[in-house]
Amino acid sequence: MEWIKAGTTNHPDGSRTIRYVSPGTHVMIESRRCPVKHANGIGSWDYTSYFVILPNGTEKEFHQLRAAKAAAEMLKEARR
């Protein structure tokens, strides 16, 4: 299954959302990166998670893009 980058949104707090779509399906994947402050309060590190989003708005979180893509592809196969 081919995934195409459909758009990027950069937020003022340093977080970023990237949307991926696959032609022929209504399932979308979002990569959400957000800064997490270090425990000592100096600086931050980026946490990225991936969400499979169904047309009805239901979301499921994954920690790897590969896992999110696999789940979305299984959903597409199940709908056939």
PDB file of N, CA and C in Angstrom:
ATOM      1  N   MET A   1       0.842  -1.170   0.000  1.00  0.00           N
ATOM      2  CA  MET A   1       0.000   0.000   0.000  1.00  0.00           C
ATOM      3  C   MET A   1       0.890   1.237   0.000  1.00  0.00           C
ATOM      4  N   GLU A   2       0.570   2.187  -0.829  1.00  0.00           N
ATOM      5  CA  GLU A   2       1.345   3.425  -0.930  1.00  0.00           C
ATOM      6  C   GLU A   2       0.756   4.497  -0.019  1.00  0.00           C
ATOM      7  N   TRP A   3       1.609   5.196   0.717  1.00  0.00           N
ATOM      8  CA  TRP A   3       1.203   6.289   1.591  1.00  0.00           C
ATOM      9  C   TRP A   3       1.816   7.574   1.085  1.00  0.00           C
ATOM     10  N   ILE A   4       0.997   8.610   0.991  1.00  0.00           N
ATOM     11  CA  ILE A   4       1.429   9.907   0.472  1.00  0.00           C
ATOM     12  C   ILE A   4       1.312  10.941   1.579  1.00  0.00           C
ATOM     13  N   LYS A   5       2.358  11.751   1.737  1.00  0.00           N
ATOM     14  CA  LYS A   5       2.344  12.834   2.719  1.00  0.00           C
ATOM     15  C   LYS A   5       1.348  13.889   2.234  1.00  0.00           C
ATOM     16  N   ALA A   6       0.290  14.116   3.019  1.00  0.00           N
ATOM     17  CA  ALA A   6      -0.792  15.009   2.599  1.00  0.00           C
ATOM     18  C   ALA A   6      -0.682  16.408   3.183  1.00  0.00           C
ATOM     19  N   GLY A   7       0.137  16.596   4.183  1.00  0.00           N
ATOM     20  CA  GLY A   7       0.264  17.927   4.767  1.00  0.00           C
ATOM     21  C   GLY A   7       0.993  17.917   6.083  1.00  0.00           C
ATOM     22  N   THR A   8       1.536  19.072   6.418  1.00  0.00           N
ATOM     23  CA  THR A   8       2.269  19.252   7.667  1.00  0.00           C
ATOM     24  C   THR A   8       1.759  20.506   8.362  1.00  0.00           C
ATOM     25  N   THR A   9       1.573  20.414   9.674  1.00  0.00           N
ATOM     26  CA  THR A   9       1.186  21.565  10.477  1.00  0.00           C
ATOM     27  C   THR A   9       2.216  21.744  11.584  1.00  0.00           C
ATOM     28  N   ASN A  10       2.864  22.903  11.593  1.00  0.00           N
ATOM     29  CA  ASN A  10       3.808  23.248  12.658  1.00  0.00           C
ATOM     30  C   ASN A  10       3.097  24.144  13.662  1.00  0.00           C
ATOM     31  N   HIS A  11       3.201  23.806  14.920  1.00  0.00           N
ATOM     32  CA  HIS A  11       2.526  24.549  15.984  1.00  0.00           C
ATOM     33  C   HIS A  11       3.524  25.445  16.714  1.00  0.00           C
ATOM     34  N   PRO A  12       3.056  26.551  17.305  1.00  0.00           N
ATOM     35  CA  PRO A  12       3.954  27.499  17.990  1.00  0.00           C
ATOM     36  C   PRO A  12       4.751  26.895  19.145  1.00  0.00           C
ATOM     37  N   ASP A  13       4.224  25.852  19.780  1.00  0.00           N
ATOM     38  CA  ASP A  13       4.927  25.253  20.922  1.00  0.00           C
ATOM     39  C   ASP A  13       6.037  24.286  20.501  1.00  0.00           C
ATOM     40  N   GLY A  14       6.279  24.167  19.188  1.00  0.00           N
ATOM     41  CA  GLY A  14       7.321  23.286  18.690  1.00  0.00           C
ATOM     42  C   GLY A  14       6.822  21.927  18.256  1.00  0.00           C
ATOM     43  N   SER A  15       5.544  21.657  18.483  1.00  0.00           N
ATOM     44  CA  SER A  15       4.999  20.376  18.048  1.00  0.00           C
ATOM     45  C   SER A  15       4.701  20.419  16.551  1.00  0.00           C
ATOM     46  N   ARG A  16       4.578  19.227  15.958  1.00  0.00           N
ATOM     47  CA  ARG A  16       4.332  19.143  14.523  1.00  0.00           C
ATOM     48  C   ARG A  16       3.446  17.947  14.234  1.00  0.00           C
ATOM     49  N   THR A  17       2.513  18.105  13.285  1.00  0.00           N
ATOM     50  CA  THR A  17       1.643  17.030  12.846  1.00  0.00           C
ATOM     51  C   THR A  17       1.842  16.826  11.349  1.00  0.00           C
ATOM     52  N   ILE A  18       2.088  15.578  10.960  1.00  0.00           N
ATOM     53  CA  ILE A  18       2.197  15.232   9.543  1.00  0.00           C
ATOM     54  C   ILE A  18       1.095  14.225   9.234  1.00  0.00           C
ATOM     55  N   ARG A  19       0.337  14.472   8.172  1.00  0.00           N
ATOM     56  CA  ARG A  19      -0.757  13.600   7.768  1.00  0.00           C
ATOM     57  C   ARG A  19      -0.354  12.786   6.541  1.00  0.00           C
ATOM     58  N   TYR A  20      -0.703  11.498   6.577  1.00  0.00           N
ATOM     59  CA  TYR A  20      -0.443  10.587   5.464  1.00  0.00           C
ATOM     60  C   TYR A  20      -1.767   9.963   5.027  1.00  0.00           C
ATOM     61  N   VAL A  21      -1.980   9.872   3.720  1.00  0.00           N
ATOM     62  CA  VAL A  21      -3.176   9.231   3.180  1.00  0.00           C
ATOM     63  C   VAL A  21      -2.747   8.180   2.164  1.00  0.00           C
ATOM     64  N   SER A  22      -3.635   7.236   1.927  1.00  0.00           N
ATOM     65  CA  SER A  22      -3.400   6.205   0.929  1.00  0.00           C
ATOM     66  C   SER A  22      -4.540   6.261  -0.085  1.00  0.00           C
ATOM     67  N   PRO A  23      -4.218   6.383  -1.363  1.00  0.00           N
ATOM     68  CA  PRO A  23      -5.273   6.421  -2.375  1.00  0.00           C
ATOM     69  C   PRO A  23      -6.141   5.167  -2.303  1.00  0.00           C
ATOM     70  N   GLY A  24      -7.441   5.363  -2.427  1.00  0.00           N
ATOM     71  CA  GLY A  24      -8.371   4.243  -2.415  1.00  0.00           C
ATOM     72  C   GLY A  24      -8.857   3.837  -1.043  1.00  0.00           C
ATOM     73  N   THR A  25      -8.467   4.566  -0.019  1.00  0.00           N
ATOM     74  CA  THR A  25      -8.930   4.264   1.338  1.00  0.00           C
ATOM     75  C   THR A  25      -9.235   5.570   2.062  1.00  0.00           C
ATOM     76  N   HIS A  26     -10.071   5.495   3.080  1.00  0.00           N
ATOM     77  CA  HIS A  26     -10.418   6.692   3.856  1.00  0.00           C
ATOM     78  C   HIS A  26      -9.669   6.736   5.181  1.00  0.00           C
ATOM     79  N   VAL A  27      -8.785   5.780   5.399  1.00  0.00           N
ATOM     80  CA  VAL A  27      -7.993   5.741   6.622  1.00  0.00           C
ATOM     81  C   VAL A  27      -6.834   6.728   6.476  1.00  0.00           C
ATOM     82  N   MET A  28      -6.531   7.437   7.550  1.00  0.00           N
ATOM     83  CA  MET A  28      -5.449   8.410   7.552  1.00  0.00           C
ATOM     84  C   MET A  28      -4.501   8.081   8.706  1.00  0.00           C
ATOM     85  N   ILE A  29      -3.229   8.403   8.542  1.00  0.00           N
ATOM     86  CA  ILE A  29      -2.247   8.262   9.611  1.00  0.00           C
ATOM     87  C   ILE A  29      -1.694   9.647   9.914  1.00  0.00           C
ATOM     88  N   GLU A  30      -1.615   9.975  11.200  1.00  0.00           N
ATOM     89  CA  GLU A  30      -1.001  11.227  11.627  1.00  0.00           C
ATOM     90  C   GLU A  30       0.223  10.926  12.473  1.00  0.00           C
ATOM     91  N   SER A  31       1.306  11.605  12.163  1.00  0.00           N
ATOM     92  CA  SER A  31       2.521  11.567  12.978  1.00  0.00           C
ATOM     93  C   SER A  31       2.471  12.824  13.839  1.00  0.00           C
ATOM     94  N   ARG A  32       2.473  12.652  15.149  1.00  0.00           N
ATOM     95  CA  ARG A  32       2.383  13.795  16.060  1.00  0.00           C
ATOM     96  C   ARG A  32       3.643  13.859  16.913  1.00  0.00           C
ATOM     97  N   ARG A  33       4.420  14.913  16.701  1.00  0.00           N
ATOM     98  CA  ARG A  33       5.655  15.126  17.460  1.00  0.00           C
ATOM     99  C   ARG A  33       5.409  16.264  18.440  1.00  0.00           C
ATOM    100  N   CYS A  34       5.771  16.040  19.698  1.00  0.00           N
ATOM    101  CA  CYS A  34       5.608  17.107  20.682  1.00  0.00           C
ATOM    102  C   CYS A  34       6.840  17.154  21.585  1.00  0.00           C
ATOM    103  N   PRO A  35       7.242  18.359  21.969  1.00  0.00           N
ATOM    104  CA  PRO A  35       8.390  18.483  22.865  1.00  0.00           C
ATOM    105  C   PRO A  35       7.997  18.129  24.300  1.00  0.00           C
ATOM    106  N   VAL A  36       8.852  17.382  24.966  1.00  0.00           N
ATOM    107  CA  VAL A  36       8.645  17.008  26.361  1.00  0.00           C
ATOM    108  C   VAL A  36       9.815  17.597  27.150  1.00  0.00           C
ATOM    109  N   LYS A  37       9.496  18.401  28.142  1.00  0.00           N
ATOM    110  CA  LYS A  37      10.544  19.059  28.928  1.00  0.00           C
ATOM    111  C   LYS A  37      11.362  18.035  29.714  1.00  0.00           C
ATOM    112  N   HIS A  38      12.657  18.287  29.797  1.00  0.00           N
ATOM    113  CA  HIS A  38      13.519  17.456  30.626  1.00  0.00           C
ATOM    114  C   HIS A  38      13.139  17.642  32.090  1.00  0.00           C
ATOM    115  N   ALA A  39      13.426  16.642  32.922  1.00  0.00           N
ATOM    116  CA  ALA A  39      13.069  16.684  34.339  1.00  0.00           C
ATOM    117  C   ALA A  39      13.704  17.864  35.062  1.00  0.00           C
ATOM    118  N   ASN A  40      14.888  18.282  34.627  1.00  0.00           N
ATOM    119  CA  ASN A  40      15.551  19.402  35.296  1.00  0.00           C
ATOM    120  C   ASN A  40      15.038  20.752  34.812  1.00  0.00           C
ATOM    121  N   GLY A  41      14.107  20.749  33.858  1.00  0.00           N
ATOM    122  CA  GLY A  41      13.495  21.987  33.368  1.00  0.00           C
ATOM    123  C   GLY A  41      14.292  22.707  32.301  1.00  0.00           C
ATOM    124  N   ILE A  42      15.454  22.172  31.934  1.00  0.00           N
ATOM    125  CA  ILE A  42      16.282  22.813  30.913  1.00  0.00           C
ATOM    126  C   ILE A  42      16.185  22.021  29.618  1.00  0.00           C
ATOM    127  N   GLY A  43      15.622  22.630  28.598  1.00  0.00           N
ATOM    128  CA  GLY A  43      15.518  21.977  27.300  1.00  0.00           C
ATOM    129  C   GLY A  43      14.387  20.972  27.231  1.00  0.00           C
ATOM    130  N   SER A  44      14.331  20.269  26.108  1.00  0.00           N
ATOM    131  CA  SER A  44      13.278  19.281  25.905  1.00  0.00           C
ATOM    132  C   SER A  44      13.751  18.221  24.915  1.00  0.00           C
ATOM    133  N   TRP A  45      13.008  17.134  24.817  1.00  0.00           N
ATOM    134  CA  TRP A  45      13.244  16.099  23.819  1.00  0.00           C
ATOM    135  C   TRP A  45      11.937  15.885  23.082  1.00  0.00           C
ATOM    136  N   ASP A  46      12.017  15.403  21.867  1.00  0.00           N
ATOM    137  CA  ASP A  46      10.812  15.223  21.039  1.00  0.00           C
ATOM    138  C   ASP A  46      10.260  13.813  21.180  1.00  0.00           C
ATOM    139  N   TYR A  47       8.962  13.731  21.426  1.00  0.00           N
ATOM    140  CA  TYR A  47       8.243  12.458  21.497  1.00  0.00           C
ATOM    141  C   TYR A  47       7.340  12.392  20.280  1.00  0.00           C
ATOM    142  N   THR A  48       7.442  11.316  19.514  1.00  0.00           N
ATOM    143  CA  THR A  48       6.605  11.144  18.327  1.00  0.00           C
ATOM    144  C   THR A  48       5.759   9.903  18.483  1.00  0.00           C
ATOM    145  N   SER A  49       4.476  10.032  18.192  1.00  0.00           N
ATOM    146  CA  SER A  49       3.584   8.887  18.157  1.00  0.00           C
ATOM    147  C   SER A  49       2.771   8.971  16.865  1.00  0.00           C
ATOM    148  N   TYR A  50       2.214   7.841  16.478  1.00  0.00           N
ATOM    149  CA  TYR A  50       1.518   7.726  15.202  1.00  0.00           C
ATOM    150  C   TYR A  50       0.095   7.257  15.471  1.00  0.00           C
ATOM    151  N   PHE A  51      -0.863   7.912  14.827  1.00  0.00           N
ATOM    152  CA  PHE A  51      -2.266   7.609  15.048  1.00  0.00           C
ATOM    153  C   PHE A  51      -2.919   7.181  13.741  1.00  0.00           C
ATOM    154  N   VAL A  52      -3.595   6.031  13.765  1.00  0.00           N
ATOM    155  CA  VAL A  52      -4.437   5.616  12.649  1.00  0.00           C
ATOM    156  C   VAL A  52      -5.802   6.216  12.926  1.00  0.00           C
ATOM    157  N   ILE A  53      -6.321   6.981  11.972  1.00  0.00           N
ATOM    158  CA  ILE A  53      -7.597   7.682  12.155  1.00  0.00           C
ATOM    159  C   ILE A  53      -8.600   7.146  11.146  1.00  0.00           C
ATOM    160  N   LEU A  54      -9.707   6.637  11.657  1.00  0.00           N
ATOM    161  CA  LEU A  54     -10.779   6.113  10.803  1.00  0.00           C
ATOM    162  C   LEU A  54     -11.722   7.235  10.405  1.00  0.00           C
ATOM    163  N   PRO A  55     -12.538   7.021   9.369  1.00  0.00           N
ATOM    164  CA  PRO A  55     -13.462   8.067   8.914  1.00  0.00           C
ATOM    165  C   PRO A  55     -14.447   8.546   9.994  1.00  0.00           C
ATOM    166  N   ASN A  56     -14.780   7.685  10.966  1.00  0.00           N
ATOM    167  CA  ASN A  56     -15.720   8.095  12.017  1.00  0.00           C
ATOM    168  C   ASN A  56     -15.037   8.870  13.144  1.00  0.00           C
ATOM    169  N   GLY A  57     -13.712   9.116  13.013  1.00  0.00           N
ATOM    170  CA  GLY A  57     -12.982   9.892  14.006  1.00  0.00           C
ATOM    171  C   GLY A  57     -12.276   9.064  15.065  1.00  0.00           C
ATOM    172  N   THR A  58     -12.466   7.762  15.040  1.00  0.00           N
ATOM    173  CA  THR A  58     -11.798   6.876  15.992  1.00  0.00           C
ATOM    174  C   THR A  58     -10.302   6.869  15.717  1.00  0.00           C
ATOM    175  N   GLU A  59      -9.496   6.922  16.790  1.00  0.00           N
ATOM    176  CA  GLU A  59      -8.042   6.928  16.662  1.00  0.00           C
ATOM    177  C   GLU A  59      -7.435   5.784  17.463  1.00  0.00           C
ATOM    178  N   LYS A  60      -6.320   5.248  16.947  1.00  0.00           N
ATOM    179  CA  LYS A  60      -5.541   4.257  17.692  1.00  0.00           C
ATOM    180  C   LYS A  60      -4.080   4.668  17.599  1.00  0.00           C
ATOM    181  N   GLU A  61      -3.414   4.698  18.753  1.00  0.00           N
ATOM    182  CA  GLU A  61      -2.033   5.170  18.822  1.00  0.00           C
ATOM    183  C   GLU A  61      -1.037   4.024  18.665  1.00  0.00           C
ATOM    184  N   PHE A  62       0.060   4.313  17.949  1.00  0.00           N
ATOM    185  CA  PHE A  62       1.169   3.383  17.768  1.00  0.00           C
ATOM    186  C   PHE A  62       2.469   4.138  18.026  1.00  0.00           C
ATOM    187  N   HIS A  63       3.520   3.391  18.350  1.00  0.00           N
ATOM    188  CA  HIS A  63       4.806   4.019  18.635  1.00  0.00           C
ATOM    189  C   HIS A  63       5.771   3.952  17.464  1.00  0.00           C
ATOM    190  N   GLN A  64       5.367   3.255  16.405  1.00  0.00           N
ATOM    191  CA  GLN A  64       6.179   3.169  15.201  1.00  0.00           C
ATOM    192  C   GLN A  64       5.295   3.396  13.986  1.00  0.00           C
ATOM    193  N   LEU A  65       5.813   4.133  13.010  1.00  0.00           N
ATOM    194  CA  LEU A  65       5.067   4.360  11.774  1.00  0.00           C
ATOM    195  C   LEU A  65       4.801   3.035  11.069  1.00  0.00           C
ATOM    196  N   ARG A  66       5.752   2.143  11.114  1.00  0.00           N
ATOM    197  CA  ARG A  66       5.600   0.828  10.487  1.00  0.00           C
ATOM    198  C   ARG A  66       4.396   0.083  11.069  1.00  0.00           C
ATOM    199  N   ALA A  67       4.209   0.137  12.379  1.00  0.00           N
ATOM    200  CA  ALA A  67       3.085  -0.534  13.037  1.00  0.00           C
ATOM    201  C   ALA A  67       1.763   0.133  12.668  1.00  0.00           C
ATOM    202  N   ALA A  68       1.749   1.451  12.579  1.00  0.00           N
ATOM    203  CA  ALA A  68       0.527   2.170  12.202  1.00  0.00           C
ATOM    204  C   ALA A  68       0.132   1.825  10.765  1.00  0.00           C
ATOM    205  N   LYS A  69       1.111   1.781   9.868  1.00  0.00           N
ATOM    206  CA  LYS A  69       0.823   1.424   8.481  1.00  0.00           C
ATOM    207  C   LYS A  69       0.276   0.004   8.376  1.00  0.00           C
ATOM    208  N   ALA A  70       0.873  -0.924   9.111  1.00  0.00           N
ATOM    209  CA  ALA A  70       0.409  -2.318   9.091  1.00  0.00           C
ATOM    210  C   ALA A  70      -1.029  -2.430   9.590  1.00  0.00           C
ATOM    211  N   ALA A  71      -1.360  -1.707  10.657  1.00  0.00           N
ATOM    212  CA  ALA A  71      -2.722  -1.736  11.190  1.00  0.00           C
ATOM    213  C   ALA A  71      -3.710  -1.138  10.192  1.00  0.00           C
ATOM    214  N   ALA A  72      -3.327  -0.041   9.557  1.00  0.00           N
ATOM    215  CA  ALA A  72      -4.214   0.591   8.566  1.00  0.00           C
ATOM    216  C   ALA A  72      -4.430  -0.325   7.372  1.00  0.00           C
ATOM    217  N   GLU A  73      -3.401  -1.033   6.959  1.00  0.00           N
ATOM    218  CA  GLU A  73      -3.532  -1.951   5.834  1.00  0.00           C
ATOM    219  C   GLU A  73      -4.411  -3.139   6.192  1.00  0.00           C
ATOM    220  N   MET A  74      -4.327  -3.610   7.443  1.00  0.00           N
ATOM    221  CA  MET A  74      -5.211  -4.694   7.890  1.00  0.00           C
ATOM    222  C   MET A  74      -6.661  -4.244   7.896  1.00  0.00           C
ATOM    223  N   LEU A  75      -6.909  -2.985   8.281  1.00  0.00           N
ATOM    224  CA  LEU A  75      -8.268  -2.451   8.273  1.00  0.00           C
ATOM    225  C   LEU A  75      -8.810  -2.408   6.851  1.00  0.00           C
ATOM    226  N   LYS A  76      -7.968  -2.014   5.905  1.00  0.00           N
ATOM    227  CA  LYS A  76      -8.400  -1.942   4.519  1.00  0.00           C
ATOM    228  C   LYS A  76      -8.758  -3.330   3.997  1.00  0.00           C
ATOM    229  N   GLU A  77      -7.936  -4.338   4.337  1.00  0.00           N
ATOM    230  CA  GLU A  77      -8.191  -5.705   3.899  1.00  0.00           C
ATOM    231  C   GLU A  77      -9.472  -6.247   4.543  1.00  0.00           C
ATOM    232  N   ALA A  78      -9.720  -5.897   5.794  1.00  0.00           N
ATOM    233  CA  ALA A  78     -10.908  -6.387   6.506  1.00  0.00           C
ATOM    234  C   ALA A  78     -12.193  -5.814   5.915  1.00  0.00           C
ATOM    235  N   ARG A  79     -12.120  -4.636   5.308  1.00  0.00           N
ATOM    236  CA  ARG A  79     -13.315  -3.997   4.748  1.00  0.00           C
ATOM    237  C   ARG A  79     -13.712  -4.579   3.403  1.00  0.00           C
ATOM    238  N   ARG A  80     -12.797  -5.335   2.769  1.00  0.00           N
ATOM    239  CA  ARG A  80     -13.100  -5.905   1.440  1.00  0.00           C
ATOM    240  C   ARG A  80     -14.089  -7.005   1.525  1.00  0.00           C
TER     241      ARG A  80
END
